[in-house]
Amino acid sequence: MELTGTTWIVAADAVEARVFEERVRAGEVRERKEMRLQSNGEDEPKSHRHMTTVHESGGPGRHGAGARDMDHESERRFLRRVAAELEAAAKRGAFERLALMAPPRALGLLRAELGAACARRLDVCDAHERVHDDAEAIRRRLREARARA
């Protein structure tokens, strides 16, 4: 087990991604302020802002038409942008290892979007919502995830 080398820990969900850095394995974790990404509306289709509703033919009920698919597409676009930022950083040599923490769906989408430079550096994944955790909680969760791996 290598103890030196920078690990980036990405805590993400469908609309926000925070990047933390660990310079020594099991050491201090700090948030990288310049790597905080949020969905800015460009990821969200315009049609999602004005939802279409469908009236039931057999009664007074109605429901949204395709809203879930649009939500999934905006999530995919956002996580694709996150993966592109990570890939660029990996190619610059900004980190040696990568840890991903995200709810199961977001984690799967993010992993699918990673390029070769990031995929080689992937150290551990944690399929839980962690985007609102502070640096100390991320450090504990990373340690737990590594112990499970």
N, C-alpha and C. Protein backbone atom coordinates (compact mmCIF):
# COMPACT_ATOMS: atom_id res chain seq x y z
N MET A 1 0.83 -1.17 0.00
CA MET A 1 0.00 0.00 0.00
C MET A 1 0.88 1.24 0.00
N GLU A 2 0.65 2.10 -0.98
CA GLU A 2 1.41 3.32 -1.11
C GLU A 2 0.82 4.41 -0.22
N LEU A 3 1.64 5.06 0.59
CA LEU A 3 1.14 6.06 1.54
C LEU A 3 1.23 7.48 1.03
N THR A 4 2.06 7.72 0.02
CA THR A 4 2.19 9.07 -0.52
C THR A 4 1.44 9.19 -1.84
N GLY A 5 1.27 10.39 -2.28
CA GLY A 5 0.56 10.64 -3.53
C GLY A 5 -0.82 11.20 -3.24
N THR A 6 -1.24 12.11 -4.07
CA THR A 6 -2.50 12.82 -3.86
C THR A 6 -3.70 12.00 -4.32
N THR A 7 -4.70 11.96 -3.47
CA THR A 7 -5.98 11.35 -3.81
C THR A 7 -7.02 12.44 -3.88
N TRP A 8 -7.79 12.46 -4.95
CA TRP A 8 -8.94 13.35 -5.03
C TRP A 8 -10.17 12.54 -4.67
N ILE A 9 -11.00 13.10 -3.82
CA ILE A 9 -12.24 12.47 -3.42
C ILE A 9 -13.37 13.33 -3.97
N VAL A 10 -14.20 12.75 -4.82
CA VAL A 10 -15.30 13.48 -5.44
C VAL A 10 -16.60 13.05 -4.78
N ALA A 11 -17.28 14.00 -4.15
CA ALA A 11 -18.60 13.77 -3.58
C ALA A 11 -19.59 14.45 -4.52
N ALA A 12 -20.46 13.67 -5.15
CA ALA A 12 -21.34 14.22 -6.18
C ALA A 12 -22.75 13.68 -6.04
N ASP A 13 -23.68 14.42 -6.64
CA ASP A 13 -25.04 13.93 -6.82
C ASP A 13 -25.50 14.45 -8.18
N ALA A 14 -26.79 14.56 -8.39
CA ALA A 14 -27.30 14.95 -9.71
C ALA A 14 -27.06 16.42 -10.06
N VAL A 15 -26.79 17.26 -9.06
CA VAL A 15 -26.68 18.69 -9.33
C VAL A 15 -25.44 19.37 -8.76
N GLU A 16 -24.66 18.67 -7.96
CA GLU A 16 -23.50 19.29 -7.33
C GLU A 16 -22.36 18.28 -7.20
N ALA A 17 -21.14 18.78 -7.35
CA ALA A 17 -19.95 17.95 -7.14
C ALA A 17 -18.93 18.77 -6.38
N ARG A 18 -18.40 18.17 -5.32
CA ARG A 18 -17.35 18.79 -4.52
C ARG A 18 -16.13 17.89 -4.59
N VAL A 19 -14.98 18.51 -4.71
CA VAL A 19 -13.73 17.76 -4.78
C VAL A 19 -12.89 18.06 -3.56
N PHE A 20 -12.47 16.99 -2.90
CA PHE A 20 -11.61 17.07 -1.73
C PHE A 20 -10.26 16.47 -2.09
N GLU A 21 -9.23 16.80 -1.33
CA GLU A 21 -7.89 16.32 -1.62
C GLU A 21 -7.26 15.74 -0.35
N GLU A 22 -6.63 14.59 -0.52
CA GLU A 22 -5.88 13.93 0.55
C GLU A 22 -4.46 13.77 0.02
N ARG A 23 -3.50 14.44 0.62
CA ARG A 23 -2.12 14.39 0.11
C ARG A 23 -1.34 13.18 0.60
N VAL A 24 -1.70 12.66 1.78
CA VAL A 24 -1.07 11.46 2.34
C VAL A 24 -2.19 10.51 2.73
N ARG A 25 -2.05 9.25 2.36
CA ARG A 25 -3.10 8.28 2.65
C ARG A 25 -3.44 8.27 4.14
N ALA A 26 -4.74 8.36 4.44
CA ALA A 26 -5.29 8.42 5.80
C ALA A 26 -4.94 9.73 6.51
N GLY A 27 -4.47 10.71 5.75
CA GLY A 27 -4.13 12.00 6.34
C GLY A 27 -5.27 12.99 6.27
N GLU A 28 -4.94 14.24 6.42
CA GLU A 28 -5.93 15.32 6.41
C GLU A 28 -6.59 15.42 5.04
N VAL A 29 -7.87 15.76 5.04
CA VAL A 29 -8.64 15.97 3.81
C VAL A 29 -9.09 17.43 3.78
N ARG A 30 -8.87 18.07 2.65
CA ARG A 30 -9.27 19.47 2.47
C ARG A 30 -10.08 19.60 1.18
N GLU A 31 -11.05 20.50 1.21
CA GLU A 31 -11.83 20.75 0.00
C GLU A 31 -11.06 21.65 -0.94
N ARG A 32 -11.09 21.31 -2.20
CA ARG A 32 -10.48 22.14 -3.24
C ARG A 32 -11.54 23.12 -3.71
N LYS A 33 -11.45 24.34 -3.28
CA LYS A 33 -12.49 25.35 -3.58
C LYS A 33 -12.67 25.57 -5.08
N GLU A 34 -11.59 25.50 -5.83
CA GLU A 34 -11.69 25.78 -7.26
C GLU A 34 -12.32 24.63 -8.06
N MET A 35 -12.63 23.54 -7.41
CA MET A 35 -13.21 22.39 -8.12
C MET A 35 -14.64 22.09 -7.69
N ARG A 36 -15.37 23.07 -7.23
CA ARG A 36 -16.77 22.85 -6.85
C ARG A 36 -17.65 23.17 -8.07
N LEU A 37 -18.42 22.21 -8.51
CA LEU A 37 -19.26 22.37 -9.69
C LEU A 37 -20.72 22.23 -9.29
N GLN A 38 -21.56 23.04 -9.92
CA GLN A 38 -23.00 22.90 -9.73
C GLN A 38 -23.67 22.96 -11.09
N SER A 39 -24.79 22.28 -11.18
CA SER A 39 -25.58 22.36 -12.39
C SER A 39 -26.03 23.81 -12.54
N ASN A 40 -25.81 24.40 -13.69
CA ASN A 40 -26.06 25.82 -13.86
C ASN A 40 -27.24 26.13 -14.77
N GLY A 41 -28.10 25.17 -15.03
CA GLY A 41 -29.22 25.42 -15.91
C GLY A 41 -28.92 25.03 -17.34
N GLU A 42 -27.63 25.10 -17.75
CA GLU A 42 -27.27 24.67 -19.09
C GLU A 42 -27.45 23.17 -19.23
N ASP A 43 -27.29 22.46 -18.11
CA ASP A 43 -27.46 21.02 -18.11
C ASP A 43 -28.93 20.62 -18.16
N GLU A 44 -29.81 21.57 -17.83
CA GLU A 44 -31.23 21.27 -17.74
C GLU A 44 -31.91 21.63 -19.06
N PRO A 45 -32.62 20.70 -19.69
CA PRO A 45 -33.31 21.02 -20.94
C PRO A 45 -34.36 22.11 -20.70
N LYS A 46 -34.53 23.02 -21.68
CA LYS A 46 -35.51 24.09 -21.55
C LYS A 46 -36.91 23.53 -21.37
N SER A 47 -37.21 22.42 -22.02
CA SER A 47 -38.55 21.84 -21.92
C SER A 47 -38.86 21.38 -20.49
N HIS A 48 -37.84 21.16 -19.70
CA HIS A 48 -38.05 20.72 -18.32
C HIS A 48 -38.58 21.85 -17.44
N ARG A 49 -38.27 23.08 -17.83
CA ARG A 49 -38.71 24.22 -17.03
C ARG A 49 -40.23 24.43 -17.14
N HIS A 50 -40.81 24.06 -18.26
CA HIS A 50 -42.26 24.18 -18.46
C HIS A 50 -42.81 22.78 -18.70
N MET A 51 -43.12 22.11 -17.63
CA MET A 51 -43.51 20.71 -17.72
C MET A 51 -44.87 20.55 -18.40
N THR A 52 -44.94 19.59 -19.29
CA THR A 52 -46.18 19.23 -19.95
C THR A 52 -46.96 18.28 -19.05
N THR A 53 -48.27 18.49 -18.97
CA THR A 53 -49.09 17.55 -18.22
C THR A 53 -50.04 16.85 -19.16
N VAL A 54 -50.41 15.66 -18.80
CA VAL A 54 -51.32 14.84 -19.59
C VAL A 54 -52.55 14.58 -18.75
N HIS A 55 -53.72 14.83 -19.32
CA HIS A 55 -54.98 14.57 -18.62
C HIS A 55 -55.42 13.15 -18.91
N GLU A 56 -55.87 12.47 -17.88
CA GLU A 56 -56.38 11.11 -18.03
C GLU A 56 -57.70 11.13 -18.77
N SER A 57 -57.90 10.18 -19.68
CA SER A 57 -59.14 10.13 -20.43
C SER A 57 -60.29 9.56 -19.61
N GLY A 58 -59.99 8.83 -18.57
CA GLY A 58 -61.03 8.18 -17.79
C GLY A 58 -61.32 8.85 -16.47
N GLY A 59 -60.99 10.10 -16.29
CA GLY A 59 -61.25 10.76 -15.01
C GLY A 59 -60.55 12.09 -14.92
N PRO A 60 -60.60 12.70 -13.75
CA PRO A 60 -60.04 14.04 -13.59
C PRO A 60 -58.53 14.07 -13.35
N GLY A 61 -57.88 12.94 -13.28
CA GLY A 61 -56.45 12.90 -12.96
C GLY A 61 -55.57 13.42 -14.08
N ARG A 62 -54.36 13.81 -13.71
CA ARG A 62 -53.35 14.21 -14.70
C ARG A 62 -51.97 13.92 -14.12
N HIS A 63 -50.98 13.86 -14.97
CA HIS A 63 -49.61 13.58 -14.53
C HIS A 63 -48.64 14.22 -15.50
N GLY A 64 -47.39 14.34 -15.06
CA GLY A 64 -46.35 14.91 -15.91
C GLY A 64 -45.99 13.94 -17.02
N ALA A 65 -45.65 14.48 -18.16
CA ALA A 65 -45.30 13.66 -19.32
C ALA A 65 -43.79 13.66 -19.52
N GLY A 66 -43.11 12.58 -19.19
CA GLY A 66 -41.69 12.44 -19.45
C GLY A 66 -40.78 13.24 -18.55
N ALA A 67 -41.26 13.72 -17.44
CA ALA A 67 -40.41 14.54 -16.57
C ALA A 67 -39.21 13.76 -16.07
N ARG A 68 -39.39 12.52 -15.73
CA ARG A 68 -38.31 11.70 -15.19
C ARG A 68 -37.18 11.53 -16.19
N ASP A 69 -37.50 11.32 -17.45
CA ASP A 69 -36.46 11.17 -18.46
C ASP A 69 -35.65 12.45 -18.61
N MET A 70 -36.31 13.60 -18.53
CA MET A 70 -35.59 14.87 -18.63
C MET A 70 -34.68 15.06 -17.42
N ASP A 71 -35.15 14.66 -16.24
CA ASP A 71 -34.31 14.74 -15.05
C ASP A 71 -33.06 13.88 -15.22
N HIS A 72 -33.24 12.69 -15.72
CA HIS A 72 -32.10 11.78 -15.92
C HIS A 72 -31.12 12.35 -16.95
N GLU A 73 -31.63 12.96 -18.00
CA GLU A 73 -30.75 13.52 -19.02
C GLU A 73 -29.96 14.70 -18.46
N SER A 74 -30.58 15.56 -17.67
CA SER A 74 -29.84 16.69 -17.10
C SER A 74 -28.78 16.19 -16.11
N GLU A 75 -29.11 15.13 -15.35
CA GLU A 75 -28.13 14.52 -14.44
C GLU A 75 -26.96 13.96 -15.23
N ARG A 76 -27.24 13.29 -16.32
CA ARG A 76 -26.18 12.69 -17.16
C ARG A 76 -25.28 13.79 -17.74
N ARG A 77 -25.88 14.87 -18.20
CA ARG A 77 -25.07 15.97 -18.76
C ARG A 77 -24.16 16.58 -17.70
N PHE A 78 -24.71 16.81 -16.52
CA PHE A 78 -23.92 17.39 -15.45
C PHE A 78 -22.76 16.47 -15.06
N LEU A 79 -23.04 15.19 -14.88
CA LEU A 79 -21.99 14.25 -14.49
C LEU A 79 -20.97 14.05 -15.60
N ARG A 80 -21.39 14.19 -16.85
CA ARG A 80 -20.45 14.15 -17.98
C ARG A 80 -19.48 15.33 -17.87
N ARG A 81 -19.99 16.50 -17.48
CA ARG A 81 -19.15 17.68 -17.32
C ARG A 81 -18.17 17.48 -16.16
N VAL A 82 -18.64 16.90 -15.06
CA VAL A 82 -17.77 16.60 -13.92
C VAL A 82 -16.65 15.65 -14.36
N ALA A 83 -17.02 14.59 -15.08
CA ALA A 83 -16.03 13.61 -15.54
C ALA A 83 -15.00 14.26 -16.46
N ALA A 84 -15.44 15.18 -17.31
CA ALA A 84 -14.50 15.88 -18.21
C ALA A 84 -13.51 16.72 -17.43
N GLU A 85 -13.99 17.40 -16.38
CA GLU A 85 -13.08 18.19 -15.53
C GLU A 85 -12.07 17.28 -14.83
N LEU A 86 -12.53 16.15 -14.34
CA LEU A 86 -11.63 15.20 -13.67
C LEU A 86 -10.62 14.63 -14.65
N GLU A 87 -11.06 14.31 -15.84
CA GLU A 87 -10.16 13.76 -16.86
C GLU A 87 -9.05 14.76 -17.20
N ALA A 88 -9.42 16.02 -17.36
CA ALA A 88 -8.41 17.05 -17.64
C ALA A 88 -7.41 17.17 -16.50
N ALA A 89 -7.90 17.13 -15.26
CA ALA A 89 -7.00 17.20 -14.10
C ALA A 89 -6.09 15.98 -14.03
N ALA A 90 -6.62 14.80 -14.35
CA ALA A 90 -5.80 13.58 -14.33
C ALA A 90 -4.69 13.67 -15.38
N LYS A 91 -5.02 14.18 -16.53
CA LYS A 91 -4.01 14.32 -17.60
C LYS A 91 -2.93 15.32 -17.23
N ARG A 92 -3.28 16.32 -16.39
CA ARG A 92 -2.28 17.29 -15.90
C ARG A 92 -1.45 16.71 -14.77
N GLY A 93 -1.85 15.55 -14.25
CA GLY A 93 -1.13 14.93 -13.13
C GLY A 93 -1.49 15.53 -11.79
N ALA A 94 -2.69 16.08 -11.67
CA ALA A 94 -3.11 16.72 -10.42
C ALA A 94 -3.33 15.74 -9.29
N PHE A 95 -3.59 14.47 -9.60
CA PHE A 95 -3.81 13.46 -8.58
C PHE A 95 -3.36 12.10 -9.08
N GLU A 96 -3.00 11.23 -8.12
CA GLU A 96 -2.58 9.87 -8.45
C GLU A 96 -3.72 8.87 -8.28
N ARG A 97 -4.60 9.14 -7.31
CA ARG A 97 -5.73 8.23 -7.05
C ARG A 97 -7.02 9.03 -7.00
N LEU A 98 -8.13 8.33 -7.28
CA LEU A 98 -9.44 8.96 -7.30
C LEU A 98 -10.42 8.13 -6.49
N ALA A 99 -11.20 8.78 -5.65
CA ALA A 99 -12.27 8.13 -4.90
C ALA A 99 -13.58 8.82 -5.26
N LEU A 100 -14.60 8.05 -5.55
CA LEU A 100 -15.91 8.60 -5.91
C LEU A 100 -16.93 8.27 -4.85
N MET A 101 -17.69 9.28 -4.44
CA MET A 101 -18.77 9.10 -3.45
C MET A 101 -20.01 9.75 -4.02
N ALA A 102 -21.03 8.94 -4.28
CA ALA A 102 -22.26 9.45 -4.87
C ALA A 102 -23.37 8.43 -4.67
N PRO A 103 -24.63 8.88 -4.72
CA PRO A 103 -25.72 7.91 -4.66
C PRO A 103 -25.57 6.90 -5.80
N PRO A 104 -26.12 5.70 -5.66
CA PRO A 104 -25.88 4.64 -6.64
C PRO A 104 -26.07 5.04 -8.11
N ARG A 105 -27.17 5.70 -8.45
CA ARG A 105 -27.41 6.07 -9.84
C ARG A 105 -26.34 7.05 -10.35
N ALA A 106 -26.09 8.10 -9.56
CA ALA A 106 -25.08 9.09 -9.96
C ALA A 106 -23.70 8.46 -10.04
N LEU A 107 -23.39 7.57 -9.12
CA LEU A 107 -22.10 6.89 -9.14
C LEU A 107 -21.93 6.09 -10.43
N GLY A 108 -22.96 5.35 -10.81
CA GLY A 108 -22.89 4.57 -12.04
C GLY A 108 -22.72 5.45 -13.27
N LEU A 109 -23.45 6.54 -13.34
CA LEU A 109 -23.33 7.46 -14.48
C LEU A 109 -21.95 8.10 -14.52
N LEU A 110 -21.45 8.51 -13.37
CA LEU A 110 -20.13 9.16 -13.31
C LEU A 110 -19.04 8.18 -13.71
N ARG A 111 -19.10 6.97 -13.20
CA ARG A 111 -18.09 5.95 -13.58
C ARG A 111 -18.13 5.68 -15.07
N ALA A 112 -19.33 5.64 -15.65
CA ALA A 112 -19.46 5.37 -17.08
C ALA A 112 -18.87 6.50 -17.93
N GLU A 113 -18.86 7.70 -17.40
CA GLU A 113 -18.35 8.86 -18.15
C GLU A 113 -16.84 9.08 -17.99
N LEU A 114 -16.21 8.40 -17.04
CA LEU A 114 -14.77 8.60 -16.82
C LEU A 114 -13.97 8.15 -18.02
N GLY A 115 -12.97 8.93 -18.36
CA GLY A 115 -12.04 8.55 -19.41
C GLY A 115 -10.96 7.62 -18.87
N ALA A 116 -10.08 7.22 -19.74
CA ALA A 116 -9.04 6.25 -19.39
C ALA A 116 -8.10 6.76 -18.29
N ALA A 117 -7.73 8.05 -18.35
CA ALA A 117 -6.80 8.59 -17.35
C ALA A 117 -7.39 8.51 -15.94
N CYS A 118 -8.67 8.77 -15.80
CA CYS A 118 -9.33 8.68 -14.48
C CYS A 118 -9.59 7.23 -14.09
N ALA A 119 -10.04 6.44 -15.03
CA ALA A 119 -10.37 5.04 -14.73
C ALA A 119 -9.15 4.31 -14.17
N ARG A 120 -7.97 4.60 -14.68
CA ARG A 120 -6.74 3.97 -14.17
C ARG A 120 -6.45 4.36 -12.72
N ARG A 121 -6.88 5.54 -12.34
CA ARG A 121 -6.59 6.07 -11.00
C ARG A 121 -7.69 5.76 -9.98
N LEU A 122 -8.78 5.16 -10.41
CA LEU A 122 -9.91 4.91 -9.52
C LEU A 122 -9.50 3.94 -8.42
N ASP A 123 -9.57 4.41 -7.18
CA ASP A 123 -9.11 3.67 -6.02
C ASP A 123 -10.27 3.01 -5.28
N VAL A 124 -11.33 3.79 -5.03
CA VAL A 124 -12.46 3.28 -4.24
C VAL A 124 -13.72 4.06 -4.61
N CYS A 125 -14.86 3.37 -4.47
CA CYS A 125 -16.17 4.00 -4.69
C CYS A 125 -17.04 3.77 -3.46
N ASP A 126 -17.86 4.75 -3.16
CA ASP A 126 -18.78 4.68 -2.03
C ASP A 126 -20.15 5.13 -2.54
N ALA A 127 -21.09 4.21 -2.63
CA ALA A 127 -22.41 4.48 -3.21
C ALA A 127 -23.37 5.07 -2.18
N HIS A 128 -23.04 6.25 -1.68
CA HIS A 128 -23.88 6.95 -0.70
C HIS A 128 -23.85 8.45 -0.98
N GLU A 129 -24.88 9.13 -0.54
CA GLU A 129 -24.96 10.59 -0.65
C GLU A 129 -23.97 11.21 0.33
N ARG A 130 -22.97 11.91 -0.17
CA ARG A 130 -21.95 12.52 0.69
C ARG A 130 -21.69 13.99 0.33
N VAL A 131 -22.42 14.54 -0.61
CA VAL A 131 -22.12 15.87 -1.13
C VAL A 131 -22.25 16.96 -0.07
N HIS A 132 -22.99 16.72 0.99
CA HIS A 132 -23.16 17.74 2.03
C HIS A 132 -22.25 17.50 3.24
N ASP A 133 -21.42 16.49 3.20
CA ASP A 133 -20.50 16.20 4.30
C ASP A 133 -19.35 17.20 4.31
N ASP A 134 -18.81 17.45 5.50
CA ASP A 134 -17.63 18.31 5.60
C ASP A 134 -16.37 17.46 5.39
N ALA A 135 -15.23 18.11 5.37
CA ALA A 135 -13.96 17.43 5.09
C ALA A 135 -13.66 16.30 6.07
N GLU A 136 -13.95 16.51 7.35
CA GLU A 136 -13.68 15.47 8.35
C GLU A 136 -14.58 14.26 8.14
N ALA A 137 -15.83 14.48 7.83
CA ALA A 137 -16.74 13.36 7.55
C ALA A 137 -16.31 12.62 6.28
N ILE A 138 -15.86 13.34 5.28
CA ILE A 138 -15.36 12.71 4.04
C ILE A 138 -14.14 11.84 4.36
N ARG A 139 -13.24 12.35 5.22
CA ARG A 139 -12.06 11.57 5.61
C ARG A 139 -12.47 10.26 6.27
N ARG A 140 -13.43 10.32 7.19
CA ARG A 140 -13.92 9.09 7.86
C ARG A 140 -14.57 8.14 6.87
N ARG A 141 -15.40 8.68 5.99
CA ARG A 141 -16.10 7.83 4.99
C ARG A 141 -15.11 7.20 4.02
N LEU A 142 -14.08 7.93 3.65
CA LEU A 142 -13.06 7.39 2.76
C LEU A 142 -12.34 6.23 3.43
N ARG A 143 -12.00 6.41 4.69
CA ARG A 143 -11.32 5.34 5.45
C ARG A 143 -12.20 4.09 5.53
N GLU A 144 -13.50 4.27 5.79
CA GLU A 144 -14.44 3.15 5.85
C GLU A 144 -14.55 2.46 4.48
N ALA A 145 -14.63 3.24 3.42
CA ALA A 145 -14.75 2.68 2.08
C ALA A 145 -13.49 1.88 1.71
N ARG A 146 -12.34 2.40 2.09
CA ARG A 146 -11.10 1.66 1.82
C ARG A 146 -11.04 0.36 2.62
N ALA A 147 -11.55 0.37 3.83
CA ALA A 147 -11.54 -0.84 4.65
C ALA A 147 -12.45 -1.91 4.04
N ARG A 148 -13.56 -1.48 3.42
CA ARG A 148 -14.47 -2.43 2.77
C ARG A 148 -13.92 -2.98 1.47
N ALA A 149 -13.07 -2.20 0.81
CA ALA A 149 -12.56 -2.60 -0.52
C ALA A 149 -11.53 -3.70 -0.45
